[in-house]
Amino acid sequence: MKKMKKGLSIGLVLSLAFALAACGGKSDTQSGSSASSSQEGKTKLRIYAQYSDEDTKGYYDYAVAELAKEMPNVELELEIQAQDDGQKLKTYAATGNLPDIINVGLDQINVFRKSNNILELDEYVDKLGFKDKMHQNALNTLYTDDNHVYAFPYAGNELILLYYNKELFEQNGVKVPTTFEELRTAIDAFAAKGITPLSIFAKEKWPDVAFFDMFATRYRPGGISDLDKGIAQPSDEAYLKAAQDIVDLVKAGLLPKGATNLNYDQAAALFHEGKAAMFVNGQWEIEASTKALGDMVGYMYYPAPDAASYESAKYAFSGGGTPGGYAVSANTKDKELAAKVASFIALKYAEFKYTQKGSPIVSTKVDKPVEKPFDPMMEQLSKDIPSITSTTAFAWGLSNTKFKAAIEDASQALLSGSYTAEQFISDLESALK
């Protein structure tokens, strides 16, 4: 499963003098959610951000150092984000003590916008031209379901990739499939050589949902996201066809025996050791697969029913993201300054991720050269991202809890080989009723 960033369980208020060396002196911790002037004539803003390990420290230190160059009149006081599912922030909000700038996810946004604790940022998005700085296919990370902005995002849409072993395809004379017919030909060719066509860690249910979503996007780009939002129904032809495609391919021998009992380590080992020709996982798998297979590994665009739909749906990806990033307390004294700083920090986080972490998965455009070269697949992904026409959602990003539970169970059953497409649709319809 995707590794999540760690945070500290202790919240401390620190003045980052090392990042603002030019400031000199020490500053006291500020109480309340207000900006104030320090003895040096600088405006202090409290900021709540991750700063728990070398990874998260790198992002923050880079952003603050850049801020010192751009806005030398601003001094940030860091309070380290607690790893507590946002409980500390909720306590701050309840006591009127939110820091001026806070790093939030969608859960916190939904709570704080209802309680009027965070600032609606639409005005500042326009003033600062933030929307123009974003990848247009990542606007889902900016706007919430009420079409307003509450945080400046930096993380882009994460994507499900269909990895393949180039060497196995070449050695066995198998064409990289673009259609389901070509995929069935590949299944037969690999099975004849004792090679597992495709590996998936189906014991965890989210990859199973993603796998179904891959097929659904060949017929309807919105995939499972459209079902979650209620703008499509399970009985719609796209979803029945996608489910039937998977049933047919499983019967043809696409997956290893007992696929629904495989965890990540087991499924990845099949692919990394050259025993499986293809593998399904998020783009975060790039590093591990590259380490195992070197230049033998790549990713393909999802096959489709026919050549025409393959081309038209080529850049409709499964996966996605949710609104989140740096928000501003509704009670900060200088709202415009806090919004300007929050926007700047978000842009610099994306810049650091792109240039120094070797990842193009960012919401905003970066025009600086990379310092850590992209792996070959990351390089391909960086070129593909601007062309992406749509994304959907991961299972953990679905908002309808009943639908989420139903599609997780149904998608796993779909890979078992003893479940029909009609049963799949019926179970989803029952959950949505």
Protein backbone atom coordinates (compact mmCIF):
# COMPACT_ATOMS: atom_id res chain seq x y z
CA MET A 1 0.00 0.00 0.00
CA LYS A 2 1.13 3.50 -0.58
CA LYS A 3 3.46 4.79 2.09
CA MET A 4 2.08 7.80 3.92
CA LYS A 5 4.21 10.60 5.28
CA LYS A 6 4.88 10.49 8.96
CA GLY A 7 4.28 13.34 11.34
CA LEU A 8 5.33 13.89 14.95
CA SER A 9 2.85 13.26 17.72
CA ILE A 10 4.07 16.28 19.65
CA GLY A 11 3.15 19.76 18.51
CA LEU A 12 5.83 22.35 19.23
CA VAL A 13 6.05 25.97 18.28
CA LEU A 14 9.45 26.77 16.82
CA SER A 15 10.97 29.86 15.34
CA LEU A 16 12.99 28.82 12.32
CA ALA A 17 15.90 31.18 12.73
CA PHE A 18 18.12 29.01 10.55
CA ALA A 19 15.80 29.53 7.57
CA LEU A 20 15.63 33.25 8.12
CA ALA A 21 19.19 33.88 9.15
CA ALA A 22 18.99 37.48 8.15
CA CYS A 23 16.40 38.12 10.86
CA GLY A 24 18.61 37.50 13.87
CA GLY A 25 17.33 37.28 17.43
CA LYS A 26 14.60 35.04 18.83
CA SER A 27 10.84 35.36 18.80
CA ASP A 28 8.27 34.30 21.36
CA THR A 29 5.45 31.89 20.59
CA GLN A 30 2.30 33.71 19.54
CA SER A 31 -1.03 32.82 21.05
CA GLY A 32 -4.20 33.14 19.03
CA SER A 33 -4.50 33.23 15.26
CA SER A 34 -3.23 36.71 14.65
CA ALA A 35 -0.32 38.15 12.73
CA SER A 36 1.89 40.56 14.67
CA SER A 37 5.00 42.65 14.26
CA SER A 38 8.27 41.44 15.71
CA GLN A 39 10.93 43.65 17.21
CA GLU A 40 12.77 43.65 13.88
CA GLY A 41 9.72 45.17 12.17
CA LYS A 42 8.75 41.93 10.48
CA THR A 43 5.29 40.44 10.39
CA LYS A 44 5.07 37.11 12.15
CA LEU A 45 2.69 34.42 10.96
CA ARG A 46 2.10 31.13 12.73
CA ILE A 47 2.17 28.14 10.37
CA TYR A 48 1.11 24.55 11.04
CA ALA A 49 3.06 22.17 8.80
CA GLN A 50 4.73 18.76 8.63
CA TYR A 51 8.31 18.81 9.87
CA SER A 52 8.98 15.34 11.24
CA ASP A 53 11.65 13.68 9.12
CA GLU A 54 14.26 14.52 6.49
CA ASP A 55 11.65 14.34 3.74
CA THR A 56 9.11 16.74 5.24
CA LYS A 57 11.85 19.00 6.63
CA GLY A 58 13.32 19.37 3.14
CA TYR A 59 10.07 20.71 1.71
CA TYR A 60 9.54 23.21 4.49
CA ASP A 61 13.12 24.44 4.72
CA TYR A 62 13.23 25.03 0.97
CA ALA A 63 9.95 26.97 0.98
CA VAL A 64 10.94 29.14 3.95
CA ALA A 65 14.36 29.93 2.47
CA GLU A 66 12.66 31.02 -0.77
CA LEU A 67 10.15 33.07 1.22
CA ALA A 68 12.99 34.93 2.94
CA LYS A 69 14.20 36.05 -0.50
CA GLU A 70 10.79 36.99 -1.83
CA MET A 71 9.16 38.44 1.30
CA PRO A 72 11.90 39.42 3.75
CA ASN A 73 9.33 41.30 5.84
CA VAL A 74 7.60 38.04 6.82
CA GLU A 75 8.74 35.68 9.55
CA LEU A 76 7.13 32.29 10.04
CA GLU A 77 6.75 30.56 13.38
CA LEU A 78 6.41 26.84 12.79
CA GLU A 79 4.19 24.58 14.80
CA ILE A 80 4.88 20.98 13.84
CA GLN A 81 1.87 19.11 12.55
CA ALA A 82 0.75 16.36 14.92
CA GLN A 83 0.04 12.88 13.56
CA ASP A 84 -3.43 12.72 15.06
CA ASP A 85 -5.92 12.81 12.16
CA GLY A 86 -6.40 16.52 12.62
CA GLN A 87 -7.53 16.38 16.26
CA LYS A 88 -5.13 19.09 17.42
CA LEU A 89 -6.32 21.43 14.67
CA LYS A 90 -9.93 20.82 15.68
CA THR A 91 -9.05 21.73 19.25
CA TYR A 92 -7.36 24.90 18.04
CA ALA A 93 -10.42 25.78 15.98
CA ALA A 94 -12.75 25.19 18.93
CA THR A 95 -10.67 27.53 21.11
CA GLY A 96 -10.16 30.20 18.43
CA ASN A 97 -6.43 29.50 18.33
CA LEU A 98 -5.84 28.29 14.76
CA PRO A 99 -2.42 29.27 13.35
CA ASP A 100 -2.56 31.83 10.54
CA ILE A 101 -1.60 29.22 7.90
CA ILE A 102 -2.44 25.53 8.22
CA ASN A 103 -1.66 22.44 6.16
CA VAL A 104 -4.99 20.64 5.69
CA GLY A 105 -6.58 17.74 3.87
CA LEU A 106 -10.14 17.47 2.62
CA ASP A 107 -11.44 16.18 5.96
CA GLN A 108 -10.23 19.29 7.78
CA ILE A 109 -11.50 21.55 4.99
CA ASN A 110 -14.99 20.06 5.26
CA VAL A 111 -15.07 20.52 9.05
CA PHE A 112 -13.60 24.02 9.13
CA ARG A 113 -15.59 25.49 6.25
CA LYS A 114 -18.83 24.54 8.02
CA SER A 115 -17.65 26.13 11.26
CA ASN A 116 -16.30 29.20 9.42
CA ASN A 117 -12.78 28.63 10.74
CA ILE A 118 -10.93 28.78 7.43
CA LEU A 119 -10.93 31.52 4.87
CA GLU A 120 -12.62 31.14 1.50
CA LEU A 121 -9.76 31.86 -0.90
CA ASP A 122 -11.56 32.49 -4.20
CA GLU A 123 -10.70 36.20 -4.12
CA TYR A 124 -7.01 35.51 -3.57
CA VAL A 125 -6.85 32.77 -6.19
CA ASP A 126 -7.88 35.45 -8.68
CA LYS A 127 -5.64 38.20 -7.28
CA LEU A 128 -2.57 35.97 -7.17
CA GLY A 129 -3.25 34.25 -10.49
CA PHE A 130 -2.93 30.89 -8.75
CA LYS A 131 -5.31 29.07 -11.08
CA ASP A 132 -3.18 30.06 -14.08
CA LYS A 133 -0.17 28.49 -12.38
CA MET A 134 -1.91 25.12 -12.10
CA HIS A 135 -2.10 22.18 -14.46
CA GLN A 136 -5.64 22.44 -15.77
CA ASN A 137 -6.18 18.72 -15.24
CA ALA A 138 -5.38 19.17 -11.53
CA LEU A 139 -8.11 21.71 -10.76
CA ASN A 140 -9.90 18.98 -8.80
CA THR A 141 -7.24 19.55 -6.12
CA LEU A 142 -8.17 23.25 -5.93
CA TYR A 143 -11.97 23.38 -5.90
CA THR A 144 -14.18 21.59 -3.38
CA ASP A 145 -17.65 20.28 -4.14
CA ASP A 146 -19.20 23.70 -3.49
CA ASN A 147 -16.93 25.18 -6.19
CA HIS A 148 -14.96 27.28 -3.71
CA VAL A 149 -11.29 27.25 -2.75
CA TYR A 150 -10.14 26.76 0.83
CA ALA A 151 -6.51 25.70 0.37
CA PHE A 152 -3.68 26.21 -2.10
CA PRO A 153 -2.66 22.72 -3.31
CA TYR A 154 0.79 21.44 -4.15
CA ALA A 155 0.31 17.66 -4.50
CA GLY A 156 -0.98 16.57 -7.90
CA ASN A 157 -3.19 13.70 -8.97
CA GLU A 158 -1.69 10.32 -8.21
CA LEU A 159 -2.24 7.79 -10.95
CA ILE A 160 -2.74 4.07 -11.46
CA LEU A 161 -0.22 2.69 -13.93
CA LEU A 162 -0.15 -0.57 -15.84
CA TYR A 163 3.51 -1.61 -15.60
CA TYR A 164 5.06 -4.14 -17.95
CA ASN A 165 8.32 -6.03 -18.34
CA LYS A 166 9.68 -4.95 -21.72
CA GLU A 167 12.13 -7.84 -21.87
CA LEU A 168 9.45 -10.49 -21.34
CA PHE A 169 7.34 -8.98 -24.10
CA GLU A 170 10.28 -8.80 -26.50
CA GLN A 171 11.66 -12.27 -25.71
CA ASN A 172 8.28 -13.89 -26.26
CA GLY A 173 7.36 -11.87 -29.34
CA VAL A 174 4.33 -10.32 -27.64
CA LYS A 175 2.99 -6.96 -28.79
CA VAL A 176 2.28 -4.42 -26.08
CA PRO A 177 -1.53 -4.57 -26.12
CA THR A 178 -3.69 -1.61 -27.08
CA THR A 179 -6.98 -3.52 -27.39
CA PHE A 180 -8.63 -6.25 -25.33
CA GLU A 181 -8.17 -8.67 -28.22
CA GLU A 182 -4.42 -8.01 -28.17
CA LEU A 183 -4.47 -8.40 -24.39
CA ARG A 184 -6.08 -11.84 -24.73
CA THR A 185 -3.39 -12.77 -27.27
CA ALA A 186 -0.74 -11.71 -24.75
CA ILE A 187 -2.42 -13.77 -22.02
CA ASP A 188 -2.29 -16.89 -24.19
CA ALA A 189 1.33 -16.30 -25.16
CA PHE A 190 2.57 -15.80 -21.61
CA ALA A 191 0.48 -18.61 -20.14
CA ALA A 192 1.98 -20.98 -22.70
CA LYS A 193 5.44 -20.11 -21.36
CA GLY A 194 4.45 -20.45 -17.70
CA ILE A 195 4.57 -16.68 -17.15
CA THR A 196 1.84 -14.98 -15.15
CA PRO A 197 0.27 -12.39 -17.47
CA LEU A 198 -0.61 -9.83 -14.79
CA SER A 199 0.06 -9.57 -11.06
CA ILE A 200 -2.09 -7.62 -8.61
CA PHE A 201 -2.21 -7.55 -4.80
CA ALA A 202 -5.92 -8.19 -4.71
CA LYS A 203 -5.98 -9.08 -1.02
CA GLU A 204 -6.04 -5.33 -0.45
CA LYS A 205 -9.27 -4.11 -1.92
CA TRP A 206 -8.28 -0.67 -3.21
CA PRO A 207 -6.16 -2.11 -6.09
CA ASP A 208 -9.20 -4.17 -7.13
CA VAL A 209 -11.32 -1.03 -7.29
CA ALA A 210 -8.58 0.69 -9.29
CA PHE A 211 -8.41 -2.25 -11.68
CA PHE A 212 -12.14 -2.06 -12.35
CA ASP A 213 -11.84 1.70 -12.72
CA MET A 214 -9.16 1.29 -15.40
CA PHE A 215 -11.63 -0.63 -17.53
CA ALA A 216 -14.53 1.68 -16.73
CA THR A 217 -12.58 4.71 -17.94
CA ARG A 218 -12.30 3.12 -21.38
CA TYR A 219 -16.06 3.62 -21.71
CA ARG A 220 -16.70 6.56 -19.37
CA PRO A 221 -13.75 8.78 -18.38
CA GLY A 222 -15.33 9.63 -15.01
CA GLY A 223 -15.15 5.98 -13.97
CA ILE A 224 -15.97 5.25 -10.33
CA SER A 225 -15.90 8.95 -9.51
CA ASP A 226 -19.10 9.49 -11.50
CA LEU A 227 -20.77 6.71 -9.50
CA ASP A 228 -19.58 8.20 -6.22
CA LYS A 229 -20.94 11.63 -7.18
CA GLY A 230 -24.28 10.18 -8.29
CA ILE A 231 -24.01 11.45 -11.86
CA ALA A 232 -23.94 7.89 -13.20
CA GLN A 233 -25.62 4.63 -12.23
CA PRO A 234 -24.09 1.13 -11.95
CA SER A 235 -26.62 -0.09 -14.51
CA ASP A 236 -25.19 2.27 -17.12
CA GLU A 237 -23.73 0.34 -20.04
CA ALA A 238 -20.16 1.50 -19.38
CA TYR A 239 -19.96 -0.24 -16.02
CA LEU A 240 -21.58 -3.48 -17.12
CA LYS A 241 -19.20 -3.67 -20.09
CA ALA A 242 -16.18 -2.98 -17.88
CA ALA A 243 -17.20 -5.68 -15.41
CA GLN A 244 -17.79 -8.18 -18.24
CA ASP A 245 -14.38 -7.40 -19.76
CA ILE A 246 -12.71 -8.25 -16.47
CA VAL A 247 -14.73 -11.47 -16.07
CA ASP A 248 -13.71 -12.57 -19.57
CA LEU A 249 -10.03 -11.77 -19.04
CA VAL A 250 -9.91 -13.52 -15.66
CA LYS A 251 -11.44 -16.62 -17.24
CA ALA A 252 -8.80 -16.38 -19.99
CA GLY A 253 -6.06 -16.66 -17.34
CA LEU A 254 -5.02 -13.03 -16.80
CA LEU A 255 -4.27 -13.36 -13.08
CA PRO A 256 -2.24 -15.76 -10.95
CA LYS A 257 -4.11 -18.40 -8.98
CA GLY A 258 -5.31 -17.09 -5.63
CA ALA A 259 -4.87 -13.48 -6.72
CA THR A 260 -7.33 -12.28 -4.08
CA ASN A 261 -5.05 -13.73 -1.37
CA LEU A 262 -1.87 -11.97 -2.58
CA ASN A 263 -0.48 -9.07 -0.59
CA TYR A 264 1.79 -6.40 -2.05
CA ASP A 265 5.06 -8.18 -1.28
CA GLN A 266 3.89 -11.39 -2.93
CA ALA A 267 2.38 -9.74 -6.00
CA ALA A 268 5.32 -7.36 -6.46
CA ALA A 269 7.81 -10.22 -6.16
CA LEU A 270 6.20 -11.97 -9.15
CA PHE A 271 6.75 -8.86 -11.24
CA HIS A 272 10.13 -7.81 -9.86
CA GLU A 273 11.53 -11.33 -10.33
CA GLY A 274 10.37 -11.58 -13.96
CA LYS A 275 7.65 -14.15 -13.24
CA ALA A 276 4.80 -11.81 -14.24
CA ALA A 277 4.65 -9.72 -17.39
CA MET A 278 2.44 -6.90 -16.05
CA PHE A 279 1.65 -5.33 -12.69
CA VAL A 280 -0.95 -2.83 -11.43
CA ASN A 281 -0.06 -0.17 -8.86
CA GLY A 282 0.14 3.59 -8.39
CA GLN A 283 2.90 5.77 -9.81
CA TRP A 284 4.68 5.47 -6.45
CA GLU A 285 5.69 1.96 -7.59
CA ILE A 286 8.05 3.47 -10.18
CA GLU A 287 11.02 3.60 -7.82
CA ALA A 288 10.69 -0.01 -6.60
CA SER A 289 10.12 -1.48 -10.06
CA THR A 290 12.97 0.53 -11.55
CA LYS A 291 15.27 -0.68 -8.79
CA ALA A 292 14.26 -4.29 -9.49
CA LEU A 293 14.11 -4.27 -13.28
CA GLY A 294 16.09 -1.24 -14.44
CA ASP A 295 15.39 -0.21 -18.01
CA MET A 296 13.38 -3.42 -18.58
CA VAL A 297 10.31 -1.87 -16.96
CA GLY A 298 7.88 0.65 -18.42
CA TYR A 299 4.20 1.50 -18.26
CA MET A 300 1.63 1.19 -21.02
CA TYR A 301 -1.60 3.06 -21.63
CA TYR A 302 -4.63 1.02 -20.64
CA PRO A 303 -5.94 -1.26 -23.42
CA ALA A 304 -9.43 -0.51 -24.75
CA PRO A 305 -12.18 -2.33 -26.68
CA ASP A 306 -10.85 -1.16 -30.04
CA ALA A 307 -8.19 1.04 -31.63
CA ALA A 308 -10.44 4.10 -31.84
CA SER A 309 -11.42 4.05 -28.17
CA TYR A 310 -7.80 3.37 -27.22
CA GLU A 311 -6.74 6.61 -28.86
CA SER A 312 -9.66 8.66 -27.56
CA ALA A 313 -9.29 7.44 -23.97
CA LYS A 314 -5.49 7.21 -23.92
CA TYR A 315 -5.01 10.02 -21.40
CA ALA A 316 -8.04 9.27 -19.23
CA PHE A 317 -6.31 7.92 -16.13
CA SER A 318 -7.57 6.05 -13.10
CA GLY A 319 -6.53 7.67 -9.86
CA GLY A 320 -6.83 11.23 -8.71
CA GLY A 321 -6.52 13.59 -5.82
CA THR A 322 -8.60 15.72 -3.48
CA PRO A 323 -8.53 19.37 -2.43
CA GLY A 324 -5.94 20.16 0.21
CA GLY A 325 -2.77 22.09 0.87
CA TYR A 326 -2.15 25.36 2.69
CA ALA A 327 -5.23 27.08 4.09
CA VAL A 328 -5.65 30.35 5.99
CA SER A 329 -7.39 30.86 9.32
CA ALA A 330 -10.53 32.96 9.06
CA ASN A 331 -9.34 34.88 12.13
CA THR A 332 -5.91 35.92 10.90
CA LYS A 333 -5.44 39.71 11.12
CA ASP A 334 -3.89 40.28 7.71
CA LYS A 335 -5.86 37.96 5.46
CA GLU A 336 -4.31 39.14 2.22
CA LEU A 337 -0.75 38.67 3.47
CA ALA A 338 -1.51 35.25 4.96
CA ALA A 339 -3.12 34.15 1.69
CA LYS A 340 -0.14 35.43 -0.29
CA VAL A 341 2.27 33.52 1.93
CA ALA A 342 0.16 30.33 1.87
CA SER A 343 0.06 30.48 -1.92
CA PHE A 344 3.81 31.02 -2.10
CA ILE A 345 4.56 28.12 0.26
CA ALA A 346 2.35 25.77 -1.79
CA LEU A 347 4.10 26.77 -5.02
CA LYS A 348 7.52 26.19 -3.47
CA TYR A 349 6.49 22.79 -2.09
CA ALA A 350 5.56 21.74 -5.62
CA GLU A 351 8.80 23.22 -6.94
CA PHE A 352 10.87 21.26 -4.42
CA LYS A 353 9.03 18.02 -5.19
CA TYR A 354 9.55 18.46 -8.93
CA THR A 355 13.14 19.71 -9.00
CA GLN A 356 14.72 17.96 -6.03
CA LYS A 357 12.59 14.89 -5.29
CA GLY A 358 12.39 13.67 -8.88
CA SER A 359 8.58 13.60 -9.02
CA PRO A 360 6.26 15.37 -11.50
CA ILE A 361 3.15 14.62 -9.39
CA VAL A 362 2.39 18.24 -8.55
CA SER A 363 -0.65 20.48 -8.99
CA THR A 364 1.20 23.52 -10.25
CA LYS A 365 3.51 24.18 -13.18
CA VAL A 366 7.24 24.27 -12.46
CA ASP A 367 9.58 26.08 -14.83
CA LYS A 368 12.84 25.37 -13.03
CA PRO A 369 15.22 22.61 -14.22
CA VAL A 370 15.28 19.40 -12.22
CA GLU A 371 18.24 18.83 -9.91
CA LYS A 372 17.46 15.16 -9.31
CA PRO A 373 16.94 13.55 -12.74
CA PHE A 374 13.66 11.74 -13.26
CA ASP A 375 13.70 7.97 -13.61
CA PRO A 376 12.79 7.03 -17.22
CA MET A 377 9.17 6.30 -16.30
CA MET A 378 8.93 9.53 -14.32
CA GLU A 379 10.28 11.32 -17.36
CA GLN A 380 7.54 9.76 -19.50
CA LEU A 381 4.97 10.64 -16.85
CA SER A 382 6.14 14.26 -16.73
CA LYS A 383 5.47 14.47 -20.46
CA ASP A 384 2.10 12.72 -20.17
CA ILE A 385 0.72 14.77 -17.27
CA PRO A 386 0.01 17.93 -19.29
CA SER A 387 -1.95 15.77 -21.76
CA ILE A 388 -4.13 14.03 -19.17
CA THR A 389 -7.77 14.58 -20.07
CA SER A 390 -9.36 13.25 -16.88
CA THR A 391 -8.76 11.46 -13.59
CA THR A 392 -11.17 9.64 -11.29
CA ALA A 393 -10.57 8.66 -7.66
CA PHE A 394 -8.96 6.06 -5.47
CA ALA A 395 -11.12 3.91 -3.21
CA TRP A 396 -9.92 5.86 -0.17
CA GLY A 397 -11.08 9.10 -1.80
CA LEU A 398 -14.70 8.02 -2.30
CA SER A 399 -17.15 10.10 -0.29
CA ASN A 400 -20.13 7.71 -0.24
CA THR A 401 -19.18 5.22 2.48
CA LYS A 402 -21.81 2.63 1.54
CA PHE A 403 -20.76 2.74 -2.10
CA LYS A 404 -17.09 2.53 -1.10
CA ALA A 405 -17.65 -0.63 0.94
CA ALA A 406 -19.77 -2.20 -1.79
CA ILE A 407 -17.40 -1.55 -4.67
CA GLU A 408 -14.42 -2.75 -2.64
CA ASP A 409 -16.12 -6.09 -1.97
CA ALA A 410 -17.58 -6.39 -5.46
CA SER A 411 -14.32 -5.52 -7.24
CA GLN A 412 -12.46 -8.14 -5.25
CA ALA A 413 -15.12 -10.73 -6.04
CA LEU A 414 -14.86 -9.78 -9.72
CA LEU A 415 -11.26 -11.03 -9.69
CA SER A 416 -12.12 -14.34 -8.07
CA GLY A 417 -13.43 -15.96 -11.25
CA SER A 418 -16.69 -17.02 -9.59
CA TYR A 419 -18.69 -13.81 -9.86
CA THR A 420 -20.65 -12.44 -12.77
CA ALA A 421 -20.82 -8.93 -14.18
CA GLU A 422 -24.55 -8.92 -13.43
CA GLN A 423 -23.91 -9.75 -9.78
CA PHE A 424 -21.36 -6.96 -9.63
CA ILE A 425 -23.84 -4.39 -10.93
CA SER A 426 -26.65 -5.69 -8.70
CA ASP A 427 -24.50 -5.38 -5.55
CA LEU A 428 -23.51 -1.80 -6.40
CA GLU A 429 -27.14 -0.85 -7.10
CA SER A 430 -28.24 -2.28 -3.77
CA ALA A 431 -25.61 -0.23 -1.93
CA LEU A 432 -26.60 2.99 -3.66
CA LYS A 433 -30.28 2.48 -2.88
